[in-house]
Amino acid sequence: MDALSQTLRVVRLVGSIFIQGRFTAPWCYQSPPADSVAPVLEPGAERLVIFHLITEGECFVELPAQAPVRLVAGDALLFPQGHAHRMGSEPGLPPARGARLSEVLARRPRLLAYGGGGPATRLVCGYLACDARLGRMLLAGLPPLVRVNVRGSDAGAWLEASVRYALAEARSPRPGGAGVLAKLSEVLFIEVLRLHMNEQAEGRTGWLAGVGDRIVGGALNAMHREPARNWSLEELAREANTSRSVLAERFQQLVGQSPMQYLTQWRMLLASNLLARSNAPLLRIAQDVGYQTDTAFSRAFRREFGAPPATWRRQRARQLAMPS
């Protein structure tokens, strides 16, 4: 299993589609920073990524200090750093004024329709919430706006048809619609990341650039496949079919840290996931992520999270038990 698939398999992602819009030109709306809407969309979320999918027509997206970007049907957008942005039928329009977001989203997904009666644009808005450390790892090096056209992928037609079906189901009295939307938001997020990896230009850095690199990707896949193995730089270089010096230099260039530093970070992310999701003893979790004693594991965990594993687990349990 590759590093991206392994990461997404073991780490909890939570998301949904919260707006289905039909806007007629002229129209414009302002989307606030992701941090400001997180308490409404997913209380307790450490990191929130907003996405849009244009299903019909065309429009523009504007970010501060950047040129407007024209969007067409099939375009999917991610805002990895959570920037505020403006969507509209043409650049420079003033955004519509309306009710507070908490009121708009009292029922989800919310159907919004407004505009001047001209050509129509349909889009859906969703989000994905994740652990802050996972967000930093997955999204490092990405630009403020990631844009791909899902209609160019094998999964694109299925994704769009599934989103339309799930939105219809979410408004029906039958149970389960919200769960389907949550899963589809995950699938759409993953597909956008995969397409972006395939389209990345030379010179990109960050974790996804590393996953897509022949040398660094080989080492990442090995560490994610066997995180508990007592890896050395020499063994990782063999997995990547290169020398130690080339791997170390290329890894630092793309991922921003050494392979051994990354291995520790990945082990701690796995450990936090196991601590939050299971009642397994600390020693077993320590061994599962490559530590022979719970003492050594506790020291490494405290350095990463600021608290020993047992304390962190109790604090996490209390946070999850708090009413939203």
C-alpha atoms as a PDB file:
ATOM      1  CA  MET A   1       0.000   0.000   0.000  1.00  0.00           C
ATOM      2  CA  ASP A   2       1.386   3.436  -0.923  1.00  0.00           C
ATOM      3  CA  ALA A   3       1.987   6.187   1.636  1.00  0.00           C
ATOM      4  CA  LEU A   4      -1.062   8.261   0.690  1.00  0.00           C
ATOM      5  CA  SER A   5      -3.434   5.275   0.859  1.00  0.00           C
ATOM      6  CA  GLN A   6      -1.939   4.116   4.162  1.00  0.00           C
ATOM      7  CA  THR A   7      -2.205   7.578   5.684  1.00  0.00           C
ATOM      8  CA  LEU A   8      -5.830   8.002   4.681  1.00  0.00           C
ATOM      9  CA  ARG A   9      -6.669   4.476   5.874  1.00  0.00           C
ATOM     10  CA  VAL A  10      -5.447   4.905   9.426  1.00  0.00           C
ATOM     11  CA  VAL A  11      -6.194   8.552  10.160  1.00  0.00           C
ATOM     12  CA  ARG A  12      -9.706   9.796  10.905  1.00  0.00           C
ATOM     13  CA  LEU A  13     -11.147  12.296   8.445  1.00  0.00           C
ATOM     14  CA  VAL A  14     -14.558  13.879   8.962  1.00  0.00           C
ATOM     15  CA  GLY A  15     -16.441  15.849   6.355  1.00  0.00           C
ATOM     16  CA  SER A  16     -19.660  16.637   4.590  1.00  0.00           C
ATOM     17  CA  ILE A  17     -21.272  18.683   1.850  1.00  0.00           C
ATOM     18  CA  PHE A  18     -23.104  21.611   3.410  1.00  0.00           C
ATOM     19  CA  ILE A  19     -24.339  23.819   0.542  1.00  0.00           C
ATOM     20  CA  GLN A  20     -25.896  23.118  -2.830  1.00  0.00           C
ATOM     21  CA  GLY A  21     -26.126  26.362  -4.767  1.00  0.00           C
ATOM     22  CA  ARG A  22     -27.826  27.539  -7.939  1.00  0.00           C
ATOM     23  CA  PHE A  23     -26.761  31.083  -8.739  1.00  0.00           C
ATOM     24  CA  THR A  24     -27.781  33.198 -11.723  1.00  0.00           C
ATOM     25  CA  ALA A  25     -25.658  36.051 -13.061  1.00  0.00           C
ATOM     26  CA  PRO A  26     -24.838  38.482 -11.731  1.00  0.00           C
ATOM     27  CA  TRP A  27     -24.027  36.936  -8.360  1.00  0.00           C
ATOM     28  CA  CYS A  28     -21.205  36.882  -5.803  1.00  0.00           C
ATOM     29  CA  TYR A  29     -20.653  35.508  -2.320  1.00  0.00           C
ATOM     30  CA  GLN A  30     -17.831  35.796   0.185  1.00  0.00           C
ATOM     31  CA  SER A  31     -16.524  32.669   1.904  1.00  0.00           C
ATOM     32  CA  PRO A  32     -14.866  33.475   5.265  1.00  0.00           C
ATOM     33  CA  PRO A  33     -11.612  31.884   6.513  1.00  0.00           C
ATOM     34  CA  ALA A  34     -11.984  28.206   7.339  1.00  0.00           C
ATOM     35  CA  ASP A  35     -10.982  28.737  10.982  1.00  0.00           C
ATOM     36  CA  SER A  36     -13.926  31.083  11.511  1.00  0.00           C
ATOM     37  CA  VAL A  37     -16.522  28.613  10.203  1.00  0.00           C
ATOM     38  CA  ALA A  38     -15.043  25.484  11.823  1.00  0.00           C
ATOM     39  CA  PRO A  39     -17.060  25.891  15.068  1.00  0.00           C
ATOM     40  CA  VAL A  40     -20.270  25.890  12.988  1.00  0.00           C
ATOM     41  CA  LEU A  41     -19.384  23.141  10.521  1.00  0.00           C
ATOM     42  CA  GLU A  42     -17.431  20.732  12.742  1.00  0.00           C
ATOM     43  CA  PRO A  43     -17.105  21.766  16.406  1.00  0.00           C
ATOM     44  CA  GLY A  44     -13.795  20.663  17.863  1.00  0.00           C
ATOM     45  CA  ALA A  45     -12.063  20.323  14.491  1.00  0.00           C
ATOM     46  CA  GLU A  46      -8.356  21.161  14.633  1.00  0.00           C
ATOM     47  CA  ARG A  47      -8.014  21.738  10.879  1.00  0.00           C
ATOM     48  CA  LEU A  48     -10.718  22.416   8.299  1.00  0.00           C
ATOM     49  CA  VAL A  49     -10.332  22.340   4.516  1.00  0.00           C
ATOM     50  CA  ILE A  50     -13.097  23.886   2.400  1.00  0.00           C
ATOM     51  CA  PHE A  51     -13.799  22.582  -1.102  1.00  0.00           C
ATOM     52  CA  HIS A  52     -16.138  23.459  -3.969  1.00  0.00           C
ATOM     53  CA  LEU A  53     -17.268  21.447  -6.978  1.00  0.00           C
ATOM     54  CA  ILE A  54     -18.695  23.281 -10.012  1.00  0.00           C
ATOM     55  CA  THR A  55     -21.362  21.023 -11.521  1.00  0.00           C
ATOM     56  CA  GLU A  56     -22.843  23.359 -14.153  1.00  0.00           C
ATOM     57  CA  GLY A  57     -21.935  26.645 -15.846  1.00  0.00           C
ATOM     58  CA  GLU A  58     -18.920  28.771 -15.021  1.00  0.00           C
ATOM     59  CA  CYS A  59     -17.775  31.378 -12.508  1.00  0.00           C
ATOM     60  CA  PHE A  60     -14.684  33.018 -11.017  1.00  0.00           C
ATOM     61  CA  VAL A  61     -12.835  32.608  -7.730  1.00  0.00           C
ATOM     62  CA  GLU A  62     -10.843  35.451  -6.196  1.00  0.00           C
ATOM     63  CA  LEU A  63      -8.276  35.285  -3.399  1.00  0.00           C
ATOM     64  CA  PRO A  64      -6.555  38.319  -1.864  1.00  0.00           C
ATOM     65  CA  ALA A  65      -3.565  39.583  -3.872  1.00  0.00           C
ATOM     66  CA  GLN A  66      -4.124  37.025  -6.643  1.00  0.00           C
ATOM     67  CA  ALA A  67      -5.586  37.272 -10.132  1.00  0.00           C
ATOM     68  CA  PRO A  68      -9.139  35.921 -10.545  1.00  0.00           C
ATOM     69  CA  VAL A  69      -9.351  32.314 -11.751  1.00  0.00           C
ATOM     70  CA  ARG A  70     -12.065  31.278 -14.204  1.00  0.00           C
ATOM     71  CA  LEU A  71     -13.810  28.024 -13.316  1.00  0.00           C
ATOM     72  CA  VAL A  72     -15.843  25.662 -15.484  1.00  0.00           C
ATOM     73  CA  ALA A  73     -18.099  22.679 -14.855  1.00  0.00           C
ATOM     74  CA  GLY A  74     -16.142  19.780 -13.400  1.00  0.00           C
ATOM     75  CA  ASP A  75     -13.624  21.996 -11.605  1.00  0.00           C
ATOM     76  CA  ALA A  76     -12.988  21.059  -7.980  1.00  0.00           C
ATOM     77  CA  LEU A  77     -11.245  23.492  -5.631  1.00  0.00           C
ATOM     78  CA  LEU A  78      -9.436  23.065  -2.335  1.00  0.00           C
ATOM     79  CA  PHE A  79      -8.199  25.853  -0.086  1.00  0.00           C
ATOM     80  CA  PRO A  80      -5.389  24.080   1.819  1.00  0.00           C
ATOM     81  CA  GLN A  81      -4.512  27.018   4.079  1.00  0.00           C
ATOM     82  CA  GLY A  82      -8.141  27.967   4.697  1.00  0.00           C
ATOM     83  CA  HIS A  83      -8.014  31.367   2.980  1.00  0.00           C
ATOM     84  CA  ALA A  84     -11.092  33.552   2.693  1.00  0.00           C
ATOM     85  CA  HIS A  85     -12.205  33.760  -0.935  1.00  0.00           C
ATOM     86  CA  ARG A  86     -14.883  35.181  -3.171  1.00  0.00           C
ATOM     87  CA  MET A  87     -16.935  33.313  -5.773  1.00  0.00           C
ATOM     88  CA  GLY A  88     -18.928  35.151  -8.435  1.00  0.00           C
ATOM     89  CA  SER A  89     -20.226  35.254 -11.978  1.00  0.00           C
ATOM     90  CA  GLU A  90     -17.511  37.778 -12.812  1.00  0.00           C
ATOM     91  CA  PRO A  91     -14.582  39.369 -10.946  1.00  0.00           C
ATOM     92  CA  GLY A  92     -15.008  42.478  -8.834  1.00  0.00           C
ATOM     93  CA  LEU A  93     -18.675  42.128  -7.887  1.00  0.00           C
ATOM     94  CA  PRO A  94     -19.707  43.039  -4.337  1.00  0.00           C
ATOM     95  CA  PRO A  95     -20.722  39.981  -2.289  1.00  0.00           C
ATOM     96  CA  ALA A  96     -24.349  39.417  -1.361  1.00  0.00           C
ATOM     97  CA  ARG A  97     -25.440  40.246   2.170  1.00  0.00           C
ATOM     98  CA  GLY A  98     -27.455  37.673   4.014  1.00  0.00           C
ATOM     99  CA  ALA A  99     -28.098  35.812   7.236  1.00  0.00           C
ATOM    100  CA  ARG A 100     -25.332  34.627   9.536  1.00  0.00           C
ATOM    101  CA  LEU A 101     -23.681  31.354   8.547  1.00  0.00           C
ATOM    102  CA  SER A 102     -25.019  29.562  11.620  1.00  0.00           C
ATOM    103  CA  GLU A 103     -28.546  30.435  10.501  1.00  0.00           C
ATOM    104  CA  VAL A 104     -27.913  29.517   6.877  1.00  0.00           C
ATOM    105  CA  LEU A 105     -26.549  26.126   7.911  1.00  0.00           C
ATOM    106  CA  ALA A 106     -29.182  25.301  10.489  1.00  0.00           C
ATOM    107  CA  ARG A 107     -30.271  22.578   8.062  1.00  0.00           C
ATOM    108  CA  ARG A 108     -27.680  20.782   5.987  1.00  0.00           C
ATOM    109  CA  PRO A 109     -27.165  20.480   3.122  1.00  0.00           C
ATOM    110  CA  ARG A 110     -28.695  23.889   2.526  1.00  0.00           C
ATOM    111  CA  LEU A 111     -30.138  24.700  -0.878  1.00  0.00           C
ATOM    112  CA  LEU A 112     -29.243  28.264  -1.878  1.00  0.00           C
ATOM    113  CA  ALA A 113     -30.621  30.024  -4.932  1.00  0.00           C
ATOM    114  CA  TYR A 114     -30.171  33.694  -5.796  1.00  0.00           C
ATOM    115  CA  GLY A 115     -28.851  36.053  -8.421  1.00  0.00           C
ATOM    116  CA  GLY A 116     -29.924  38.353 -11.227  1.00  0.00           C
ATOM    117  CA  GLY A 117     -31.658  35.842 -13.472  1.00  0.00           C
ATOM    118  CA  GLY A 118     -28.859  35.422 -16.035  1.00  0.00           C
ATOM    119  CA  PRO A 119     -26.871  32.276 -16.922  1.00  0.00           C
ATOM    120  CA  ALA A 120     -26.924  29.721 -14.121  1.00  0.00           C
ATOM    121  CA  THR A 121     -24.041  28.190 -12.210  1.00  0.00           C
ATOM    122  CA  ARG A 122     -24.497  25.194  -9.936  1.00  0.00           C
ATOM    123  CA  LEU A 123     -21.993  24.196  -7.315  1.00  0.00           C
ATOM    124  CA  VAL A 124     -21.661  22.279  -4.083  1.00  0.00           C
ATOM    125  CA  CYS A 125     -19.613  23.320  -1.070  1.00  0.00           C
ATOM    126  CA  GLY A 126     -18.137  20.922   1.438  1.00  0.00           C
ATOM    127  CA  TYR A 127     -15.425  20.513   4.015  1.00  0.00           C
ATOM    128  CA  LEU A 128     -13.044  17.985   5.458  1.00  0.00           C
ATOM    129  CA  ALA A 129     -11.810  18.159   9.052  1.00  0.00           C
ATOM    130  CA  CYS A 130      -8.683  16.430  10.288  1.00  0.00           C
ATOM    131  CA  ASP A 131      -6.028  16.412  12.974  1.00  0.00           C
ATOM    132  CA  ALA A 132      -3.840  19.511  12.824  1.00  0.00           C
ATOM    133  CA  ARG A 133      -0.652  17.459  12.459  1.00  0.00           C
ATOM    134  CA  LEU A 134      -2.127  15.424   9.618  1.00  0.00           C
ATOM    135  CA  GLY A 135      -3.231  18.642   7.959  1.00  0.00           C
ATOM    136  CA  ARG A 136       0.264  20.105   8.176  1.00  0.00           C
ATOM    137  CA  MET A 137       1.738  16.936   6.704  1.00  0.00           C
ATOM    138  CA  LEU A 138      -0.757  16.350   3.890  1.00  0.00           C
ATOM    139  CA  LEU A 139      -1.122  19.963   2.813  1.00  0.00           C
ATOM    140  CA  ALA A 140       2.433  21.264   3.259  1.00  0.00           C
ATOM    141  CA  GLY A 141       3.759  22.949   0.149  1.00  0.00           C
ATOM    142  CA  LEU A 142       0.384  23.269  -1.550  1.00  0.00           C
ATOM    143  CA  PRO A 143      -0.627  26.639  -3.029  1.00  0.00           C
ATOM    144  CA  PRO A 144      -3.483  28.691  -1.508  1.00  0.00           C
ATOM    145  CA  LEU A 145      -5.800  27.311  -4.210  1.00  0.00           C
ATOM    146  CA  VAL A 146      -5.687  23.777  -5.640  1.00  0.00           C
ATOM    147  CA  ARG A 147      -7.826  23.417  -8.748  1.00  0.00           C
ATOM    148  CA  VAL A 148      -8.340  20.271 -10.824  1.00  0.00           C
ATOM    149  CA  ASN A 149     -11.050  19.165 -13.223  1.00  0.00           C
ATOM    150  CA  VAL A 150     -12.495  15.857 -12.058  1.00  0.00           C
ATOM    151  CA  ARG A 151     -14.176  15.232 -15.401  1.00  0.00           C
ATOM    152  CA  GLY A 152     -10.758  14.394 -16.752  1.00  0.00           C
ATOM    153  CA  SER A 153     -10.387  11.437 -14.379  1.00  0.00           C
ATOM    154  CA  ASP A 154     -11.908   7.982 -14.503  1.00  0.00           C
ATOM    155  CA  ALA A 155     -13.670   8.639 -11.208  1.00  0.00           C
ATOM    156  CA  GLY A 156     -15.028  12.042 -12.222  1.00  0.00           C
ATOM    157  CA  ALA A 157     -18.331  11.021 -13.821  1.00  0.00           C
ATOM    158  CA  TRP A 158     -19.055   8.598 -10.979  1.00  0.00           C
ATOM    159  CA  LEU A 159     -18.224  11.245  -8.377  1.00  0.00           C
ATOM    160  CA  GLU A 160     -20.517  13.885  -9.867  1.00  0.00           C
ATOM    161  CA  ALA A 161     -23.393  11.425 -10.306  1.00  0.00           C
ATOM    162  CA  SER A 162     -22.912  10.164  -6.750  1.00  0.00           C
ATOM    163  CA  VAL A 163     -22.897  13.704  -5.324  1.00  0.00           C
ATOM    164  CA  ARG A 164     -26.156  14.525  -7.120  1.00  0.00           C
ATOM    165  CA  TYR A 165     -27.746  11.301  -5.857  1.00  0.00           C
ATOM    166  CA  ALA A 166     -26.552  11.831  -2.301  1.00  0.00           C
ATOM    167  CA  LEU A 167     -27.831  15.416  -2.217  1.00  0.00           C
ATOM    168  CA  ALA A 168     -31.253  14.220  -3.324  1.00  0.00           C
ATOM    169  CA  GLU A 169     -31.196  11.480  -0.692  1.00  0.00           C
ATOM    170  CA  ALA A 170     -30.152  13.934   2.025  1.00  0.00           C
ATOM    171  CA  ARG A 171     -33.367  15.886   1.425  1.00  0.00           C
ATOM    172  CA  SER A 172     -35.528  12.764   1.486  1.00  0.00           C
ATOM    173  CA  PRO A 173     -37.017  11.291   4.670  1.00  0.00           C
ATOM    174  CA  ARG A 174     -34.978   8.102   4.310  1.00  0.00           C
ATOM    175  CA  PRO A 175     -32.125   7.727   6.839  1.00  0.00           C
ATOM    176  CA  GLY A 176     -28.462   7.566   5.892  1.00  0.00           C
ATOM    177  CA  GLY A 177     -28.185  10.527   3.528  1.00  0.00           C
ATOM    178  CA  ALA A 178     -25.832  12.497   5.775  1.00  0.00           C
ATOM    179  CA  GLY A 179     -23.526   9.497   6.080  1.00  0.00           C
ATOM    180  CA  VAL A 180     -23.317   9.143   2.308  1.00  0.00           C
ATOM    181  CA  LEU A 181     -22.463  12.835   1.925  1.00  0.00           C
ATOM    182  CA  ALA A 182     -19.719  12.464   4.525  1.00  0.00           C
ATOM    183  CA  LYS A 183     -18.117   9.575   2.656  1.00  0.00           C
ATOM    184  CA  LEU A 184     -18.408  11.348  -0.686  1.00  0.00           C
ATOM    185  CA  SER A 185     -16.672  14.423   0.699  1.00  0.00           C
ATOM    186  CA  GLU A 186     -13.761  12.158   1.669  1.00  0.00           C
ATOM    187  CA  VAL A 187     -13.652  10.549  -1.777  1.00  0.00           C
ATOM    188  CA  LEU A 188     -13.772  13.912  -3.539  1.00  0.00           C
ATOM    189  CA  PHE A 189     -10.988  15.280  -1.325  1.00  0.00           C
ATOM    190  CA  ILE A 190      -8.780  12.261  -2.029  1.00  0.00           C
ATOM    191  CA  GLU A 191      -9.455  12.392  -5.776  1.00  0.00           C
ATOM    192  CA  VAL A 192      -8.496  16.072  -5.899  1.00  0.00           C
ATOM    193  CA  LEU A 193      -5.224  15.311  -4.088  1.00  0.00           C
ATOM    194  CA  ARG A 194      -4.465  12.431  -6.474  1.00  0.00           C
ATOM    195  CA  LEU A 195      -5.179  14.506  -9.564  1.00  0.00           C
ATOM    196  CA  HIS A 196      -3.113  17.380  -8.213  1.00  0.00           C
ATOM    197  CA  MET A 197      -0.172  15.026  -7.616  1.00  0.00           C
ATOM    198  CA  ASN A 198      -0.329  13.933 -11.257  1.00  0.00           C
ATOM    199  CA  GLU A 199      -0.420  17.540 -12.446  1.00  0.00           C
ATOM    200  CA  GLN A 200       2.293  18.965 -10.178  1.00  0.00           C
ATOM    201  CA  ALA A 201       4.886  21.075 -11.913  1.00  0.00           C
ATOM    202  CA  GLU A 202       8.612  20.710 -11.375  1.00  0.00           C
ATOM    203  CA  GLY A 203       9.938  22.485  -8.319  1.00  0.00           C
ATOM    204  CA  ARG A 204       6.994  21.735  -6.026  1.00  0.00           C
ATOM    205  CA  THR A 205       7.822  20.774  -2.465  1.00  0.00           C
ATOM    206  CA  GLY A 206       5.837  19.251   0.381  1.00  0.00           C
ATOM    207  CA  TRP A 207       4.644  15.819   1.439  1.00  0.00           C
ATOM    208  CA  LEU A 208       2.515  15.159  -1.654  1.00  0.00           C
ATOM    209  CA  ALA A 209       5.432  16.125  -3.880  1.00  0.00           C
ATOM    210  CA  GLY A 210       7.514  13.609  -1.933  1.00  0.00           C
ATOM    211  CA  VAL A 211       4.930  10.860  -2.369  1.00  0.00           C
ATOM    212  CA  GLY A 212       4.987  11.450  -6.121  1.00  0.00           C
ATOM    213  CA  ASP A 213       8.785  11.446  -6.338  1.00  0.00           C
ATOM    214  CA  ARG A 214      10.460   8.197  -7.397  1.00  0.00           C
ATOM    215  CA  ILE A 215      13.167   8.349  -4.716  1.00  0.00           C
ATOM    216  CA  VAL A 216      11.398   9.958  -1.781  1.00  0.00           C
ATOM    217  CA  GLY A 217       8.162   8.117  -2.535  1.00  0.00           C
ATOM    218  CA  GLY A 218       9.962   4.787  -2.284  1.00  0.00           C
ATOM    219  CA  ALA A 219      11.242   5.633   1.186  1.00  0.00           C
ATOM    220  CA  LEU A 220       7.873   7.000   2.321  1.00  0.00           C
ATOM    221  CA  ASN A 221       6.067   3.884   1.108  1.00  0.00           C
ATOM    222  CA  ALA A 222       8.497   1.696   3.040  1.00  0.00           C
ATOM    223  CA  MET A 223       8.080   3.644   6.295  1.00  0.00           C
ATOM    224  CA  HIS A 224       4.297   3.679   5.991  1.00  0.00           C
ATOM    225  CA  ARG A 225       4.178  -0.018   5.119  1.00  0.00           C
ATOM    226  CA  GLU A 226       6.280  -1.066   8.147  1.00  0.00           C
ATOM    227  CA  PRO A 227       6.360   1.775  10.688  1.00  0.00           C
ATOM    228  CA  ALA A 228       7.523  -0.488  13.533  1.00  0.00           C
ATOM    229  CA  ARG A 229      10.598  -1.741  11.665  1.00  0.00           C
ATOM    230  CA  ASN A 230      13.962  -0.544  12.984  1.00  0.00           C
ATOM    231  CA  TRP A 231      14.740   1.423   9.839  1.00  0.00           C
ATOM    232  CA  SER A 232      18.174   2.841   9.099  1.00  0.00           C
ATOM    233  CA  LEU A 233      18.953   5.407   6.425  1.00  0.00           C
ATOM    234  CA  GLU A 234      20.863   2.740   4.518  1.00  0.00           C
ATOM    235  CA  GLU A 235      17.858   0.378   4.488  1.00  0.00           C
ATOM    236  CA  LEU A 236      15.532   3.159   3.332  1.00  0.00           C
ATOM    237  CA  ALA A 237      17.974   4.062   0.558  1.00  0.00           C
ATOM    238  CA  ARG A 238      17.918   0.438  -0.626  1.00  0.00           C
ATOM    239  CA  GLU A 239      14.116   0.550  -0.708  1.00  0.00           C
ATOM    240  CA  ALA A 240      14.329   3.710  -2.828  1.00  0.00           C
ATOM    241  CA  ASN A 241      17.066   2.257  -5.098  1.00  0.00           C
ATOM    242  CA  THR A 242      19.462   5.099  -4.372  1.00  0.00           C
ATOM    243  CA  SER A 243      22.345   6.065  -2.109  1.00  0.00           C
ATOM    244  CA  ARG A 244      22.077   7.334   1.453  1.00  0.00           C
ATOM    245  CA  SER A 245      23.350  10.783   0.511  1.00  0.00           C
ATOM    246  CA  VAL A 246      20.970  11.183  -2.441  1.00  0.00           C
ATOM    247  CA  LEU A 247      17.976  10.060  -0.362  1.00  0.00           C
ATOM    248  CA  ALA A 248      18.855  12.350   2.547  1.00  0.00           C
ATOM    249  CA  GLU A 249      19.303  15.365   0.277  1.00  0.00           C
ATOM    250  CA  ARG A 250      16.191  14.718  -1.817  1.00  0.00           C
ATOM    251  CA  PHE A 251      14.041  13.971   1.248  1.00  0.00           C
ATOM    252  CA  GLN A 252      15.126  17.173   2.980  1.00  0.00           C
ATOM    253  CA  GLN A 253      14.516  19.169  -0.194  1.00  0.00           C
ATOM    254  CA  LEU A 254      10.951  17.924  -0.723  1.00  0.00           C
ATOM    255  CA  VAL A 255       9.617  17.053   2.738  1.00  0.00           C
ATOM    256  CA  GLY A 256      11.614  19.589   4.760  1.00  0.00           C
ATOM    257  CA  GLN A 257      13.111  17.160   7.254  1.00  0.00           C
ATOM    258  CA  SER A 258      15.303  14.060   7.374  1.00  0.00           C
ATOM    259  CA  PRO A 259      13.888  10.564   6.802  1.00  0.00           C
ATOM    260  CA  MET A 260      14.494   9.660  10.454  1.00  0.00           C
ATOM    261  CA  GLN A 261      12.729  12.786  11.689  1.00  0.00           C
ATOM    262  CA  TYR A 262       9.806  11.999   9.427  1.00  0.00           C
ATOM    263  CA  LEU A 263       9.659   8.392  10.663  1.00  0.00           C
ATOM    264  CA  THR A 264       9.324   9.623  14.256  1.00  0.00           C
ATOM    265  CA  GLN A 265       6.584  12.069  13.229  1.00  0.00           C
ATOM    266  CA  TRP A 266       4.645   9.360  11.406  1.00  0.00           C
ATOM    267  CA  ARG A 267       4.960   6.969  14.340  1.00  0.00           C
ATOM    268  CA  MET A 268       3.603   9.605  16.708  1.00  0.00           C
ATOM    269  CA  LEU A 269       0.667  10.292  14.400  1.00  0.00           C
ATOM    270  CA  LEU A 270      -0.109   6.575  14.316  1.00  0.00           C
ATOM    271  CA  ALA A 271       0.223   6.371  18.092  1.00  0.00           C
ATOM    272  CA  SER A 272      -2.171   9.264  18.686  1.00  0.00           C
ATOM    273  CA  ASN A 273      -4.674   7.572  16.398  1.00  0.00           C
ATOM    274  CA  LEU A 274      -4.395   4.294  18.335  1.00  0.00           C
ATOM    275  CA  LEU A 275      -4.639   6.071  21.688  1.00  0.00           C
ATOM    276  CA  ALA A 276      -7.792   7.913  20.634  1.00  0.00           C
ATOM    277  CA  ARG A 277      -9.527   4.938  19.010  1.00  0.00           C
ATOM    278  CA  SER A 278      -8.655   2.010  21.253  1.00  0.00           C
ATOM    279  CA  ASN A 279      -8.137   0.934  24.827  1.00  0.00           C
ATOM    280  CA  ALA A 280      -4.939  -0.941  23.973  1.00  0.00           C
ATOM    281  CA  PRO A 281      -2.204  -0.896  26.642  1.00  0.00           C
ATOM    282  CA  LEU A 282       0.561   1.651  26.166  1.00  0.00           C
ATOM    283  CA  LEU A 283       3.224  -1.030  25.724  1.00  0.00           C
ATOM    284  CA  ARG A 284       1.335  -2.643  22.874  1.00  0.00           C
ATOM    285  CA  ILE A 285       0.868   0.718  21.140  1.00  0.00           C
ATOM    286  CA  ALA A 286       4.550   1.493  21.703  1.00  0.00           C
ATOM    287  CA  GLN A 287       5.564  -1.786  20.053  1.00  0.00           C
ATOM    288  CA  ASP A 288       3.102  -1.280  17.199  1.00  0.00           C
ATOM    289  CA  VAL A 289       4.836   1.982  16.283  1.00  0.00           C
ATOM    290  CA  GLY A 290       8.425   0.810  16.712  1.00  0.00           C
ATOM    291  CA  TYR A 291       9.366   1.291  20.389  1.00  0.00           C
ATOM    292  CA  GLN A 292      10.498  -1.615  22.556  1.00  0.00           C
ATOM    293  CA  THR A 293       9.611   0.036  25.882  1.00  0.00           C
ATOM    294  CA  ASP A 294       6.765   2.270  26.931  1.00  0.00           C
ATOM    295  CA  THR A 295       9.337   4.569  28.585  1.00  0.00           C
ATOM    296  CA  ALA A 296      11.055   5.382  25.294  1.00  0.00           C
ATOM    297  CA  PHE A 297       7.670   5.736  23.631  1.00  0.00           C
ATOM    298  CA  SER A 298       6.432   8.111  26.336  1.00  0.00           C
ATOM    299  CA  ARG A 299       9.481  10.358  25.944  1.00  0.00           C
ATOM    300  CA  ALA A 300       8.995  10.593  22.171  1.00  0.00           C
ATOM    301  CA  PHE A 301       5.266  11.158  22.516  1.00  0.00           C
ATOM    302  CA  ARG A 302       5.716  13.921  25.098  1.00  0.00           C
ATOM    303  CA  ARG A 303       8.168  15.729  22.793  1.00  0.00           C
ATOM    304  CA  GLU A 304       5.596  15.704  19.987  1.00  0.00           C
ATOM    305  CA  PHE A 305       2.350  16.334  21.891  1.00  0.00           C
ATOM    306  CA  GLY A 306       3.474  18.059  25.091  1.00  0.00           C
ATOM    307  CA  ALA A 307       1.983  15.403  27.392  1.00  0.00           C
ATOM    308  CA  PRO A 308       2.614  11.712  28.193  1.00  0.00           C
ATOM    309  CA  PRO A 309       0.465   9.206  26.243  1.00  0.00           C
ATOM    310  CA  ALA A 310      -1.789   8.278  29.181  1.00  0.00           C
ATOM    311  CA  THR A 311      -2.484  11.927  30.019  1.00  0.00           C
ATOM    312  CA  TRP A 312      -3.086  12.783  26.362  1.00  0.00           C
ATOM    313  CA  ARG A 313      -5.517   9.853  26.031  1.00  0.00           C
ATOM    314  CA  ARG A 314      -7.571  11.001  29.037  1.00  0.00           C
ATOM    315  CA  GLN A 315      -7.649  14.595  27.790  1.00  0.00           C
ATOM    316  CA  ARG A 316      -8.705  13.443  24.323  1.00  0.00           C
ATOM    317  CA  ALA A 317     -11.481  11.267  25.751  1.00  0.00           C
ATOM    318  CA  ARG A 318     -12.842  14.234  27.727  1.00  0.00           C
ATOM    319  CA  GLN A 319     -12.776  16.452  24.635  1.00  0.00           C
ATOM    320  CA  LEU A 320     -14.694  13.899  22.569  1.00  0.00           C
ATOM    321  CA  ALA A 321     -17.226  13.408  25.370  1.00  0.00           C
ATOM    322  CA  MET A 322     -18.027  17.126  25.576  1.00  0.00           C
ATOM    323  CA  PRO A 323     -21.343  18.098  23.952  1.00  0.00           C
ATOM    324  CA  SER A 324     -20.976  20.068  20.688  1.00  0.00           C
END
